[in-house]
Amino acid sequence: MAVSGELLTQVSIGAVALYTLVTAASRAIGRLLALAEYYDVDEVLVGMTVLALGTSLPELSSHLVASLGILSGVLDYQVTSAVVIGGNTGSSTVQQFLLVGVLLIGYGTVHVSRAFVYESYLPMLGAIGVTMLLAWDGTISRLDGFLLLGIYLVYVGVIISRRERTQSLREPPSKNPRRDAVVAAALLVLVLLSASLMLSVVEIVVDTLAIGGSMVGIVTIGVAAALPELTAVMDAIRRRSPHVALGTLVGSNIVNPLVGIGLGGALSTYSVPSAVILWDLPFKLIAGVGLLGWALYWREGQFTRTEGGYMLGLYFAFLAGRLLLFPGQ
């Protein structure tokens, strides 16, 4: 198929919008963390709001803009649903397998405590499982969306009531809180505008090339939205603090399905591609359970470079299976 100059222009615009989305989201998080430090906001609250939601800001903004576009009729319901849900599951898969694999290979052995398993890893698996069950009929209804959001709120309430402190990932205190608040607000607006432009371009590309919207979401939003977490992983390897990065990656995998898909479902409802129901979510759930059982009962709570290699292999197996079994989605 010949690629027209107009299509190349649209792809270039989409790439710039995607870069702007991720960069603006990352800088907005930095400003918000500096403000939280200035006003001495409790670390637990910061961890469960700015850090947990902030690392998923590209995905969350895409869901918000997509749902508003669906409601207004500006964006196509089927294509947009596929793109944002594909981006959501794609980002989570990059973090769950590829980035955890990079962390383990770069750092070495990481011991996983029972507290981490109960407070973070099992809730992550539960979030994937609940999302898969609710999406099994091919849709995320408004009731499903509110249920996912409600589960997240319950989870946050339990964590806040049981945890006294979190590891700090905060910026130095803001030196000019008024300026930082204005800049953070402007960056958040830029995030939403970039997400809107990107989704419009993706819809054009999907229609032009007749390729699957969810696969486009996986390789665009899914990969780009995980870049901030890649930075966190590399920083954790350098600082020799792997548990901070591991907690961020797992926490983002809780936020993405519960808040991202929940928010979109509650606003506009979603049509869920069969590839997501039959491959993406089951793959993540089965592989996650298998790795947890292996690490806890065979490795006695230790993840080593061997498990890191397995996780890299699982990520590429995920992509290969997706392309072979669901080429049109």
C-alpha atoms as a PDB file:
ATOM      1  CA  MET A   1       0.000   0.000   0.000  1.00  0.00           C
ATOM      2  CA  ALA A   2       1.367   3.395  -1.040  1.00  0.00           C
ATOM      3  CA  VAL A   3       1.658   5.846   1.812  1.00  0.00           C
ATOM      4  CA  SER A   4       0.356   9.285   0.896  1.00  0.00           C
ATOM      5  CA  GLY A   5       1.912  12.545   1.978  1.00  0.00           C
ATOM      6  CA  GLU A   6      -1.285  13.429   3.837  1.00  0.00           C
ATOM      7  CA  LEU A   7      -1.074  10.235   5.875  1.00  0.00           C
ATOM      8  CA  LEU A   8       2.574  10.899   6.727  1.00  0.00           C
ATOM      9  CA  THR A   9       1.582  14.383   7.871  1.00  0.00           C
ATOM     10  CA  GLN A  10      -1.141  12.950  10.105  1.00  0.00           C
ATOM     11  CA  VAL A  11       1.271  10.402  11.591  1.00  0.00           C
ATOM     12  CA  SER A  12       3.818  13.154  12.283  1.00  0.00           C
ATOM     13  CA  ILE A  13       1.168  15.290  13.987  1.00  0.00           C
ATOM     14  CA  GLY A  14       0.094  12.290  16.053  1.00  0.00           C
ATOM     15  CA  ALA A  15       3.686  11.559  17.086  1.00  0.00           C
ATOM     16  CA  VAL A  16       4.207  15.160  18.229  1.00  0.00           C
ATOM     17  CA  ALA A  17       0.899  15.084  20.124  1.00  0.00           C
ATOM     18  CA  LEU A  18       1.869  11.808  21.811  1.00  0.00           C
ATOM     19  CA  TYR A  19       5.282  13.179  22.824  1.00  0.00           C
ATOM     20  CA  THR A  20       3.667  16.358  24.159  1.00  0.00           C
ATOM     21  CA  LEU A  21       1.109  14.310  26.095  1.00  0.00           C
ATOM     22  CA  VAL A  22       3.730  12.223  27.889  1.00  0.00           C
ATOM     23  CA  THR A  23       6.160  15.107  28.484  1.00  0.00           C
ATOM     24  CA  ALA A  24       3.510  17.501  29.801  1.00  0.00           C
ATOM     25  CA  ALA A  25       2.106  14.799  32.091  1.00  0.00           C
ATOM     26  CA  SER A  26       5.550  14.090  33.547  1.00  0.00           C
ATOM     27  CA  ARG A  27       6.269  17.770  34.201  1.00  0.00           C
ATOM     28  CA  ALA A  28       2.835  18.352  35.692  1.00  0.00           C
ATOM     29  CA  ILE A  29       3.495  15.538  38.179  1.00  0.00           C
ATOM     30  CA  GLY A  30       6.771  17.193  39.190  1.00  0.00           C
ATOM     31  CA  ARG A  31       5.050  20.524  39.877  1.00  0.00           C
ATOM     32  CA  LEU A  32       2.260  18.854  41.854  1.00  0.00           C
ATOM     33  CA  LEU A  33       4.757  16.919  43.975  1.00  0.00           C
ATOM     34  CA  ALA A  34       6.658  20.131  44.705  1.00  0.00           C
ATOM     35  CA  LEU A  35       3.409  21.781  45.818  1.00  0.00           C
ATOM     36  CA  ALA A  36       2.573  18.772  48.011  1.00  0.00           C
ATOM     37  CA  GLU A  37       5.984  19.069  49.677  1.00  0.00           C
ATOM     38  CA  TYR A  38       5.545  22.818  50.192  1.00  0.00           C
ATOM     39  CA  TYR A  39       2.163  22.366  51.890  1.00  0.00           C
ATOM     40  CA  ASP A  40       3.421  19.297  53.831  1.00  0.00           C
ATOM     41  CA  VAL A  41       0.710  16.971  52.515  1.00  0.00           C
ATOM     42  CA  ASP A  42       0.786  13.538  54.140  1.00  0.00           C
ATOM     43  CA  GLU A  43       2.991  11.119  52.193  1.00  0.00           C
ATOM     44  CA  VAL A  44       0.392   8.361  52.150  1.00  0.00           C
ATOM     45  CA  LEU A  45      -2.131  10.694  50.546  1.00  0.00           C
ATOM     46  CA  VAL A  46       0.468  11.884  48.030  1.00  0.00           C
ATOM     47  CA  GLY A  47       1.394   8.310  47.172  1.00  0.00           C
ATOM     48  CA  MET A  48      -2.198   7.259  46.564  1.00  0.00           C
ATOM     49  CA  THR A  49      -3.145  10.381  44.565  1.00  0.00           C
ATOM     50  CA  VAL A  50      -0.381  12.321  42.827  1.00  0.00           C
ATOM     51  CA  LEU A  51       2.010   9.374  42.441  1.00  0.00           C
ATOM     52  CA  ALA A  52      -0.505   6.594  41.765  1.00  0.00           C
ATOM     53  CA  LEU A  53      -2.768   8.636  39.490  1.00  0.00           C
ATOM     54  CA  GLY A  54      -0.002  10.844  38.133  1.00  0.00           C
ATOM     55  CA  THR A  55       2.032   7.994  36.662  1.00  0.00           C
ATOM     56  CA  SER A  56      -1.117   6.952  34.773  1.00  0.00           C
ATOM     57  CA  LEU A  57      -1.977  10.486  33.674  1.00  0.00           C
ATOM     58  CA  PRO A  58      -1.404   9.835  29.930  1.00  0.00           C
ATOM     59  CA  GLU A  59      -3.820   6.889  30.015  1.00  0.00           C
ATOM     60  CA  LEU A  60      -6.374   8.676  32.204  1.00  0.00           C
ATOM     61  CA  SER A  61      -6.377  11.806  30.049  1.00  0.00           C
ATOM     62  CA  SER A  62      -6.826   9.665  26.933  1.00  0.00           C
ATOM     63  CA  HIS A  63      -9.860   7.979  28.505  1.00  0.00           C
ATOM     64  CA  LEU A  64     -11.392  11.295  29.560  1.00  0.00           C
ATOM     65  CA  VAL A  65     -10.956  12.906  26.147  1.00  0.00           C
ATOM     66  CA  ALA A  66     -12.105   9.745  24.354  1.00  0.00           C
ATOM     67  CA  SER A  67     -15.296   9.493  26.392  1.00  0.00           C
ATOM     68  CA  LEU A  68     -16.127  13.163  25.909  1.00  0.00           C
ATOM     69  CA  GLY A  69     -15.485  12.747  22.186  1.00  0.00           C
ATOM     70  CA  ILE A  70     -17.766   9.704  22.037  1.00  0.00           C
ATOM     71  CA  LEU A  71     -20.520  11.518  23.934  1.00  0.00           C
ATOM     72  CA  SER A  72     -20.336  14.539  21.633  1.00  0.00           C
ATOM     73  CA  GLY A  73     -20.207  12.420  18.479  1.00  0.00           C
ATOM     74  CA  VAL A  74     -16.826  13.844  17.435  1.00  0.00           C
ATOM     75  CA  LEU A  75     -15.048  10.473  17.789  1.00  0.00           C
ATOM     76  CA  ASP A  76     -16.199   7.106  16.484  1.00  0.00           C
ATOM     77  CA  TYR A  77     -17.492   4.858  19.268  1.00  0.00           C
ATOM     78  CA  GLN A  78     -15.996   1.544  18.090  1.00  0.00           C
ATOM     79  CA  VAL A  79     -12.606   2.843  16.954  1.00  0.00           C
ATOM     80  CA  THR A  80     -12.054   5.154  19.922  1.00  0.00           C
ATOM     81  CA  SER A  81     -13.084   2.483  22.432  1.00  0.00           C
ATOM     82  CA  ALA A  82     -10.624   0.051  20.856  1.00  0.00           C
ATOM     83  CA  VAL A  83      -7.767   2.560  20.804  1.00  0.00           C
ATOM     84  CA  VAL A  84      -8.009   3.702  24.432  1.00  0.00           C
ATOM     85  CA  ILE A  85      -8.666   0.236  25.853  1.00  0.00           C
ATOM     86  CA  GLY A  86      -5.814  -1.160  23.761  1.00  0.00           C
ATOM     87  CA  GLY A  87      -3.595   1.647  25.014  1.00  0.00           C
ATOM     88  CA  ASN A  88      -4.651   0.929  28.589  1.00  0.00           C
ATOM     89  CA  THR A  89      -3.920  -2.798  28.468  1.00  0.00           C
ATOM     90  CA  GLY A  90      -0.810  -2.196  26.364  1.00  0.00           C
ATOM     91  CA  SER A  91       0.677   0.231  28.869  1.00  0.00           C
ATOM     92  CA  SER A  92      -0.102  -2.123  31.740  1.00  0.00           C
ATOM     93  CA  THR A  93       1.512  -5.036  29.890  1.00  0.00           C
ATOM     94  CA  VAL A  94       4.671  -3.023  29.188  1.00  0.00           C
ATOM     95  CA  GLN A  95       4.925  -2.202  32.886  1.00  0.00           C
ATOM     96  CA  GLN A  96       3.955  -5.628  34.228  1.00  0.00           C
ATOM     97  CA  PHE A  97       6.382  -7.612  32.082  1.00  0.00           C
ATOM     98  CA  LEU A  98       8.834  -5.524  30.052  1.00  0.00           C
ATOM     99  CA  LEU A  99       9.735  -2.890  32.651  1.00  0.00           C
ATOM    100  CA  VAL A 100       9.757  -5.283  35.614  1.00  0.00           C
ATOM    101  CA  GLY A 101      12.008  -7.509  33.504  1.00  0.00           C
ATOM    102  CA  VAL A 102      14.365  -4.596  32.805  1.00  0.00           C
ATOM    103  CA  LEU A 103      14.383  -3.741  36.526  1.00  0.00           C
ATOM    104  CA  LEU A 104      15.304  -7.273  37.576  1.00  0.00           C
ATOM    105  CA  ILE A 105      17.959  -7.737  34.910  1.00  0.00           C
ATOM    106  CA  GLY A 106      19.490  -4.330  35.652  1.00  0.00           C
ATOM    107  CA  TYR A 107      19.375  -4.614  39.446  1.00  0.00           C
ATOM    108  CA  GLY A 108      19.558  -8.309  40.270  1.00  0.00           C
ATOM    109  CA  THR A 109      17.701 -10.142  43.025  1.00  0.00           C
ATOM    110  CA  VAL A 110      14.697  -8.395  44.586  1.00  0.00           C
ATOM    111  CA  HIS A 111      12.974  -9.888  47.613  1.00  0.00           C
ATOM    112  CA  VAL A 112       9.203  -9.491  47.595  1.00  0.00           C
ATOM    113  CA  SER A 113       7.624  -9.253  51.037  1.00  0.00           C
ATOM    114  CA  ARG A 114       4.286 -10.801  51.977  1.00  0.00           C
ATOM    115  CA  ALA A 115       3.005  -7.302  52.772  1.00  0.00           C
ATOM    116  CA  PHE A 116       3.765  -6.167  49.215  1.00  0.00           C
ATOM    117  CA  VAL A 117       2.005  -9.229  47.811  1.00  0.00           C
ATOM    118  CA  TYR A 118      -1.132  -8.653  49.878  1.00  0.00           C
ATOM    119  CA  GLU A 119      -1.271  -4.854  49.532  1.00  0.00           C
ATOM    120  CA  SER A 120      -0.202  -4.423  45.910  1.00  0.00           C
ATOM    121  CA  TYR A 121       0.364  -7.537  43.791  1.00  0.00           C
ATOM    122  CA  LEU A 122      -2.836  -9.415  44.644  1.00  0.00           C
ATOM    123  CA  PRO A 123      -4.958  -6.245  44.217  1.00  0.00           C
ATOM    124  CA  MET A 124      -3.320  -5.818  40.790  1.00  0.00           C
ATOM    125  CA  LEU A 125      -4.342  -9.336  39.792  1.00  0.00           C
ATOM    126  CA  GLY A 126      -7.799  -8.697  41.239  1.00  0.00           C
ATOM    127  CA  ALA A 127      -8.154  -5.494  39.195  1.00  0.00           C
ATOM    128  CA  ILE A 128      -7.260  -7.369  36.002  1.00  0.00           C
ATOM    129  CA  GLY A 129      -9.665 -10.200  36.861  1.00  0.00           C
ATOM    130  CA  VAL A 130     -12.605  -7.907  37.672  1.00  0.00           C
ATOM    131  CA  THR A 131     -12.062  -5.900  34.482  1.00  0.00           C
ATOM    132  CA  MET A 132     -12.008  -9.087  32.421  1.00  0.00           C
ATOM    133  CA  LEU A 133     -15.254 -10.344  33.988  1.00  0.00           C
ATOM    134  CA  LEU A 134     -17.055  -7.032  33.457  1.00  0.00           C
ATOM    135  CA  ALA A 135     -15.847  -6.799  29.852  1.00  0.00           C
ATOM    136  CA  TRP A 136     -16.753 -10.394  29.002  1.00  0.00           C
ATOM    137  CA  ASP A 137     -20.009  -9.359  27.284  1.00  0.00           C
ATOM    138  CA  GLY A 138     -18.090  -7.027  24.948  1.00  0.00           C
ATOM    139  CA  THR A 139     -18.980  -3.773  26.675  1.00  0.00           C
ATOM    140  CA  ILE A 140     -18.086  -1.691  29.693  1.00  0.00           C
ATOM    141  CA  SER A 141     -21.405  -0.168  30.741  1.00  0.00           C
ATOM    142  CA  ARG A 142     -21.871   2.838  32.999  1.00  0.00           C
ATOM    143  CA  LEU A 143     -22.682   0.480  35.862  1.00  0.00           C
ATOM    144  CA  ASP A 144     -19.452  -1.429  35.157  1.00  0.00           C
ATOM    145  CA  GLY A 145     -17.508   1.845  35.106  1.00  0.00           C
ATOM    146  CA  PHE A 146     -18.892   3.030  38.431  1.00  0.00           C
ATOM    147  CA  LEU A 147     -18.190  -0.408  39.910  1.00  0.00           C
ATOM    148  CA  LEU A 148     -14.530  -0.234  38.835  1.00  0.00           C
ATOM    149  CA  LEU A 149     -14.182   3.275  40.274  1.00  0.00           C
ATOM    150  CA  GLY A 150     -15.854   2.171  43.504  1.00  0.00           C
ATOM    151  CA  ILE A 151     -13.449  -0.752  43.880  1.00  0.00           C
ATOM    152  CA  TYR A 152     -10.522   1.650  43.513  1.00  0.00           C
ATOM    153  CA  LEU A 153     -11.891   3.979  46.181  1.00  0.00           C
ATOM    154  CA  VAL A 154     -12.332   1.050  48.572  1.00  0.00           C
ATOM    155  CA  TYR A 155      -8.769  -0.063  47.859  1.00  0.00           C
ATOM    156  CA  VAL A 156      -7.404   3.436  48.530  1.00  0.00           C
ATOM    157  CA  GLY A 157      -9.372   3.636  51.781  1.00  0.00           C
ATOM    158  CA  VAL A 158      -7.998   0.311  52.992  1.00  0.00           C
ATOM    159  CA  ILE A 159      -4.401   1.231  52.117  1.00  0.00           C
ATOM    160  CA  ILE A 160      -4.600   4.644  53.782  1.00  0.00           C
ATOM    161  CA  SER A 161      -6.059   3.148  56.952  1.00  0.00           C
ATOM    162  CA  ARG A 162      -3.419   0.402  57.194  1.00  0.00           C
ATOM    163  CA  ARG A 163      -0.204   2.021  56.018  1.00  0.00           C
ATOM    164  CA  GLU A 164       1.613   4.590  58.132  1.00  0.00           C
ATOM    165  CA  ARG A 165       4.324   5.797  55.781  1.00  0.00           C
ATOM    166  CA  THR A 166       5.335   5.476  52.140  1.00  0.00           C
ATOM    167  CA  GLN A 167       8.730   5.695  50.522  1.00  0.00           C
ATOM    168  CA  SER A 168       9.152   9.268  49.391  1.00  0.00           C
ATOM    169  CA  LEU A 169       9.479  10.045  45.701  1.00  0.00           C
ATOM    170  CA  ARG A 170       8.820  13.731  46.206  1.00  0.00           C
ATOM    171  CA  GLU A 171      10.399  16.790  44.671  1.00  0.00           C
ATOM    172  CA  PRO A 172      12.107  19.586  46.628  1.00  0.00           C
ATOM    173  CA  PRO A 173       9.526  22.000  48.102  1.00  0.00           C
ATOM    174  CA  SER A 174       8.058  24.556  45.738  1.00  0.00           C
ATOM    175  CA  LYS A 175       9.801  27.937  45.920  1.00  0.00           C
ATOM    176  CA  ASN A 176       6.904  29.729  44.249  1.00  0.00           C
ATOM    177  CA  PRO A 177       3.660  27.826  44.915  1.00  0.00           C
ATOM    178  CA  ARG A 178       1.437  30.249  43.014  1.00  0.00           C
ATOM    179  CA  ARG A 179       3.561  29.966  39.891  1.00  0.00           C
ATOM    180  CA  ASP A 180       3.825  26.181  40.190  1.00  0.00           C
ATOM    181  CA  ALA A 181       0.052  25.868  40.602  1.00  0.00           C
ATOM    182  CA  VAL A 182      -0.553  27.925  37.443  1.00  0.00           C
ATOM    183  CA  VAL A 183       2.072  25.988  35.476  1.00  0.00           C
ATOM    184  CA  ALA A 184       0.663  22.644  36.671  1.00  0.00           C
ATOM    185  CA  ALA A 185      -2.848  23.685  35.609  1.00  0.00           C
ATOM    186  CA  ALA A 186      -1.568  24.811  32.204  1.00  0.00           C
ATOM    187  CA  LEU A 187       0.308  21.539  31.737  1.00  0.00           C
ATOM    188  CA  LEU A 188      -2.803  19.534  32.593  1.00  0.00           C
ATOM    189  CA  VAL A 189      -4.755  21.495  29.975  1.00  0.00           C
ATOM    190  CA  LEU A 190      -1.960  20.760  27.490  1.00  0.00           C
ATOM    191  CA  VAL A 191      -2.231  17.067  28.363  1.00  0.00           C
ATOM    192  CA  LEU A 192      -5.934  17.064  27.522  1.00  0.00           C
ATOM    193  CA  LEU A 193      -5.431  18.997  24.275  1.00  0.00           C
ATOM    194  CA  SER A 194      -2.625  16.665  23.202  1.00  0.00           C
ATOM    195  CA  ALA A 195      -4.754  13.606  23.974  1.00  0.00           C
ATOM    196  CA  SER A 196      -7.624  15.062  21.931  1.00  0.00           C
ATOM    197  CA  LEU A 197      -5.396  15.732  18.926  1.00  0.00           C
ATOM    198  CA  MET A 198      -3.723  12.337  19.166  1.00  0.00           C
ATOM    199  CA  LEU A 199      -7.020  10.433  19.270  1.00  0.00           C
ATOM    200  CA  SER A 200      -8.328  12.353  16.271  1.00  0.00           C
ATOM    201  CA  VAL A 201      -5.192  11.471  14.295  1.00  0.00           C
ATOM    202  CA  VAL A 202      -5.324   7.821  15.357  1.00  0.00           C
ATOM    203  CA  GLU A 203      -8.923   7.553  14.140  1.00  0.00           C
ATOM    204  CA  ILE A 204      -7.866   8.866  10.712  1.00  0.00           C
ATOM    205  CA  VAL A 205      -4.914   6.448  10.538  1.00  0.00           C
ATOM    206  CA  VAL A 206      -7.079   3.466  11.545  1.00  0.00           C
ATOM    207  CA  ASP A 207      -9.671   4.326   8.887  1.00  0.00           C
ATOM    208  CA  THR A 208      -7.026   4.903   6.210  1.00  0.00           C
ATOM    209  CA  LEU A 209      -4.967   1.770   6.810  1.00  0.00           C
ATOM    210  CA  ALA A 210      -7.885  -0.454   7.912  1.00  0.00           C
ATOM    211  CA  ILE A 211      -5.915  -1.823  10.874  1.00  0.00           C
ATOM    212  CA  GLY A 212      -7.125  -2.733  14.328  1.00  0.00           C
ATOM    213  CA  GLY A 213      -7.722   0.173  16.683  1.00  0.00           C
ATOM    214  CA  SER A 214      -6.749  -1.748  19.813  1.00  0.00           C
ATOM    215  CA  MET A 215      -3.411  -2.816  18.272  1.00  0.00           C
ATOM    216  CA  VAL A 216      -2.720   0.810  17.345  1.00  0.00           C
ATOM    217  CA  GLY A 217      -3.470   1.735  20.946  1.00  0.00           C
ATOM    218  CA  ILE A 218      -1.053  -0.902  22.243  1.00  0.00           C
ATOM    219  CA  VAL A 219       1.889   0.282  20.138  1.00  0.00           C
ATOM    220  CA  THR A 220       1.241   4.035  20.508  1.00  0.00           C
ATOM    221  CA  ILE A 221      -0.454   5.016  23.767  1.00  0.00           C
ATOM    222  CA  GLY A 222       0.565   1.747  25.410  1.00  0.00           C
ATOM    223  CA  VAL A 223       4.291   2.132  24.796  1.00  0.00           C
ATOM    224  CA  ALA A 224       4.550   5.929  25.116  1.00  0.00           C
ATOM    225  CA  ALA A 225       2.502   6.080  28.318  1.00  0.00           C
ATOM    226  CA  ALA A 226       4.961   3.687  29.980  1.00  0.00           C
ATOM    227  CA  LEU A 227       7.995   5.882  29.257  1.00  0.00           C
ATOM    228  CA  PRO A 228       7.781   7.788  32.586  1.00  0.00           C
ATOM    229  CA  GLU A 229       7.846   4.445  34.385  1.00  0.00           C
ATOM    230  CA  LEU A 230      10.904   3.434  32.334  1.00  0.00           C
ATOM    231  CA  THR A 231      12.665   6.537  33.659  1.00  0.00           C
ATOM    232  CA  ALA A 232      11.663   5.523  37.195  1.00  0.00           C
ATOM    233  CA  VAL A 233      13.066   2.028  36.607  1.00  0.00           C
ATOM    234  CA  MET A 234      16.413   3.309  35.329  1.00  0.00           C
ATOM    235  CA  ASP A 235      16.626   5.744  38.245  1.00  0.00           C
ATOM    236  CA  ALA A 236      15.836   2.927  40.697  1.00  0.00           C
ATOM    237  CA  ILE A 237      18.612   0.772  39.237  1.00  0.00           C
ATOM    238  CA  ARG A 238      21.058   3.671  39.550  1.00  0.00           C
ATOM    239  CA  ARG A 239      19.990   4.487  43.116  1.00  0.00           C
ATOM    240  CA  ARG A 240      19.819   0.794  44.121  1.00  0.00           C
ATOM    241  CA  SER A 241      16.198   1.238  45.302  1.00  0.00           C
ATOM    242  CA  PRO A 242      14.215  -1.357  43.317  1.00  0.00           C
ATOM    243  CA  HIS A 243      11.204  -1.576  45.643  1.00  0.00           C
ATOM    244  CA  VAL A 244      10.176   2.016  44.896  1.00  0.00           C
ATOM    245  CA  ALA A 245      10.076   1.323  41.140  1.00  0.00           C
ATOM    246  CA  LEU A 246       8.381  -2.049  41.638  1.00  0.00           C
ATOM    247  CA  GLY A 247       5.683  -0.441  43.763  1.00  0.00           C
ATOM    248  CA  THR A 248       5.140   2.273  41.138  1.00  0.00           C
ATOM    249  CA  LEU A 249       4.804  -0.284  38.315  1.00  0.00           C
ATOM    250  CA  VAL A 250       2.363  -2.489  40.210  1.00  0.00           C
ATOM    251  CA  GLY A 251       0.391   0.508  41.481  1.00  0.00           C
ATOM    252  CA  SER A 252      -0.021   1.833  37.954  1.00  0.00           C
ATOM    253  CA  ASN A 253      -1.427  -1.567  36.943  1.00  0.00           C
ATOM    254  CA  ILE A 254      -4.118  -1.109  39.596  1.00  0.00           C
ATOM    255  CA  VAL A 255      -4.980   2.436  38.542  1.00  0.00           C
ATOM    256  CA  ASN A 256      -5.089   1.782  34.790  1.00  0.00           C
ATOM    257  CA  PRO A 257      -8.004  -0.690  34.684  1.00  0.00           C
ATOM    258  CA  LEU A 258      -9.952   0.532  37.708  1.00  0.00           C
ATOM    259  CA  VAL A 259      -9.708   4.293  37.170  1.00  0.00           C
ATOM    260  CA  GLY A 260      -8.927   4.543  33.449  1.00  0.00           C
ATOM    261  CA  ILE A 261     -11.447   2.077  32.064  1.00  0.00           C
ATOM    262  CA  GLY A 262     -13.813   2.805  34.954  1.00  0.00           C
ATOM    263  CA  LEU A 263     -13.829   6.533  34.206  1.00  0.00           C
ATOM    264  CA  GLY A 264     -14.420   5.993  30.500  1.00  0.00           C
ATOM    265  CA  GLY A 265     -17.125   3.423  31.085  1.00  0.00           C
ATOM    266  CA  ALA A 266     -18.934   5.628  33.578  1.00  0.00           C
ATOM    267  CA  LEU A 267     -18.924   8.580  31.154  1.00  0.00           C
ATOM    268  CA  SER A 268     -19.665   7.081  27.749  1.00  0.00           C
ATOM    269  CA  THR A 269     -19.544   3.253  27.969  1.00  0.00           C
ATOM    270  CA  TYR A 270     -17.036   1.309  25.844  1.00  0.00           C
ATOM    271  CA  SER A 271     -17.129  -1.379  23.224  1.00  0.00           C
ATOM    272  CA  VAL A 272     -14.411  -3.879  24.146  1.00  0.00           C
ATOM    273  CA  PRO A 273     -12.604  -5.704  21.294  1.00  0.00           C
ATOM    274  CA  SER A 274     -12.625  -9.488  21.539  1.00  0.00           C
ATOM    275  CA  ALA A 275      -8.802  -9.488  21.447  1.00  0.00           C
ATOM    276  CA  VAL A 276      -8.731  -7.645  24.762  1.00  0.00           C
ATOM    277  CA  ILE A 277     -11.201 -10.092  26.349  1.00  0.00           C
ATOM    278  CA  LEU A 278      -9.753 -13.312  24.925  1.00  0.00           C
ATOM    279  CA  TRP A 279      -6.024 -12.463  24.869  1.00  0.00           C
ATOM    280  CA  ASP A 280      -4.827  -9.259  26.560  1.00  0.00           C
ATOM    281  CA  LEU A 281      -6.495  -9.569  29.964  1.00  0.00           C
ATOM    282  CA  PRO A 282      -6.340 -13.402  30.309  1.00  0.00           C
ATOM    283  CA  PHE A 283      -2.654 -13.358  29.321  1.00  0.00           C
ATOM    284  CA  LYS A 284      -1.827 -10.740  31.953  1.00  0.00           C
ATOM    285  CA  LEU A 285      -3.831 -12.546  34.636  1.00  0.00           C
ATOM    286  CA  ILE A 286      -2.546 -16.084  33.992  1.00  0.00           C
ATOM    287  CA  ALA A 287       1.069 -14.980  33.582  1.00  0.00           C
ATOM    288  CA  GLY A 288       0.845 -12.786  36.694  1.00  0.00           C
ATOM    289  CA  VAL A 289      -0.530 -15.628  38.815  1.00  0.00           C
ATOM    290  CA  GLY A 290       2.083 -18.022  37.450  1.00  0.00           C
ATOM    291  CA  LEU A 291       4.981 -15.687  38.175  1.00  0.00           C
ATOM    292  CA  LEU A 292       3.714 -14.989  41.674  1.00  0.00           C
ATOM    293  CA  GLY A 293       3.387 -18.699  42.468  1.00  0.00           C
ATOM    294  CA  TRP A 294       6.844 -19.388  41.030  1.00  0.00           C
ATOM    295  CA  ALA A 295       8.494 -16.587  43.023  1.00  0.00           C
ATOM    296  CA  LEU A 296       6.739 -17.306  46.329  1.00  0.00           C
ATOM    297  CA  TYR A 297       6.800 -21.094  46.424  1.00  0.00           C
ATOM    298  CA  TRP A 298       9.839 -21.948  44.339  1.00  0.00           C
ATOM    299  CA  ARG A 299      12.109 -18.940  44.884  1.00  0.00           C
ATOM    300  CA  GLU A 300      10.912 -18.192  48.429  1.00  0.00           C
ATOM    301  CA  GLY A 301       9.853 -14.643  47.654  1.00  0.00           C
ATOM    302  CA  GLN A 302      12.789 -13.692  45.449  1.00  0.00           C
ATOM    303  CA  PHE A 303      12.668 -12.358  41.913  1.00  0.00           C
ATOM    304  CA  THR A 304      16.030 -12.794  40.191  1.00  0.00           C
ATOM    305  CA  ARG A 305      17.517 -12.017  36.790  1.00  0.00           C
ATOM    306  CA  THR A 306      16.105 -15.367  35.675  1.00  0.00           C
ATOM    307  CA  GLU A 307      12.562 -14.139  36.345  1.00  0.00           C
ATOM    308  CA  GLY A 308      13.511 -10.877  34.628  1.00  0.00           C
ATOM    309  CA  GLY A 309      14.394 -12.820  31.500  1.00  0.00           C
ATOM    310  CA  TYR A 310      11.102 -14.722  31.711  1.00  0.00           C
ATOM    311  CA  MET A 311       9.209 -11.433  31.907  1.00  0.00           C
ATOM    312  CA  LEU A 312      10.911 -10.041  28.822  1.00  0.00           C
ATOM    313  CA  GLY A 313      10.035 -13.255  27.013  1.00  0.00           C
ATOM    314  CA  LEU A 314       6.431 -13.016  28.176  1.00  0.00           C
ATOM    315  CA  TYR A 315       6.094  -9.494  26.817  1.00  0.00           C
ATOM    316  CA  PHE A 316       7.274 -10.468  23.350  1.00  0.00           C
ATOM    317  CA  ALA A 317       5.126 -13.611  23.497  1.00  0.00           C
ATOM    318  CA  PHE A 318       2.180 -11.341  24.276  1.00  0.00           C
ATOM    319  CA  LEU A 319       2.872  -9.196  21.215  1.00  0.00           C
ATOM    320  CA  ALA A 320       3.489 -12.192  18.936  1.00  0.00           C
ATOM    321  CA  GLY A 321       0.292 -13.923  20.039  1.00  0.00           C
ATOM    322  CA  ARG A 322      -1.692 -10.702  19.625  1.00  0.00           C
ATOM    323  CA  LEU A 323      -0.457 -10.209  16.057  1.00  0.00           C
ATOM    324  CA  LEU A 324      -0.932 -13.849  15.044  1.00  0.00           C
ATOM    325  CA  LEU A 325      -4.300 -14.523  16.654  1.00  0.00           C
ATOM    326  CA  PHE A 326      -5.962 -11.112  16.265  1.00  0.00           C
ATOM    327  CA  PRO A 327      -4.298  -9.386  13.300  1.00  0.00           C
ATOM    328  CA  GLY A 328      -7.307  -7.194  12.506  1.00  0.00           C
ATOM    329  CA  GLN A 329      -7.939  -5.869  15.993  1.00  0.00           C
END
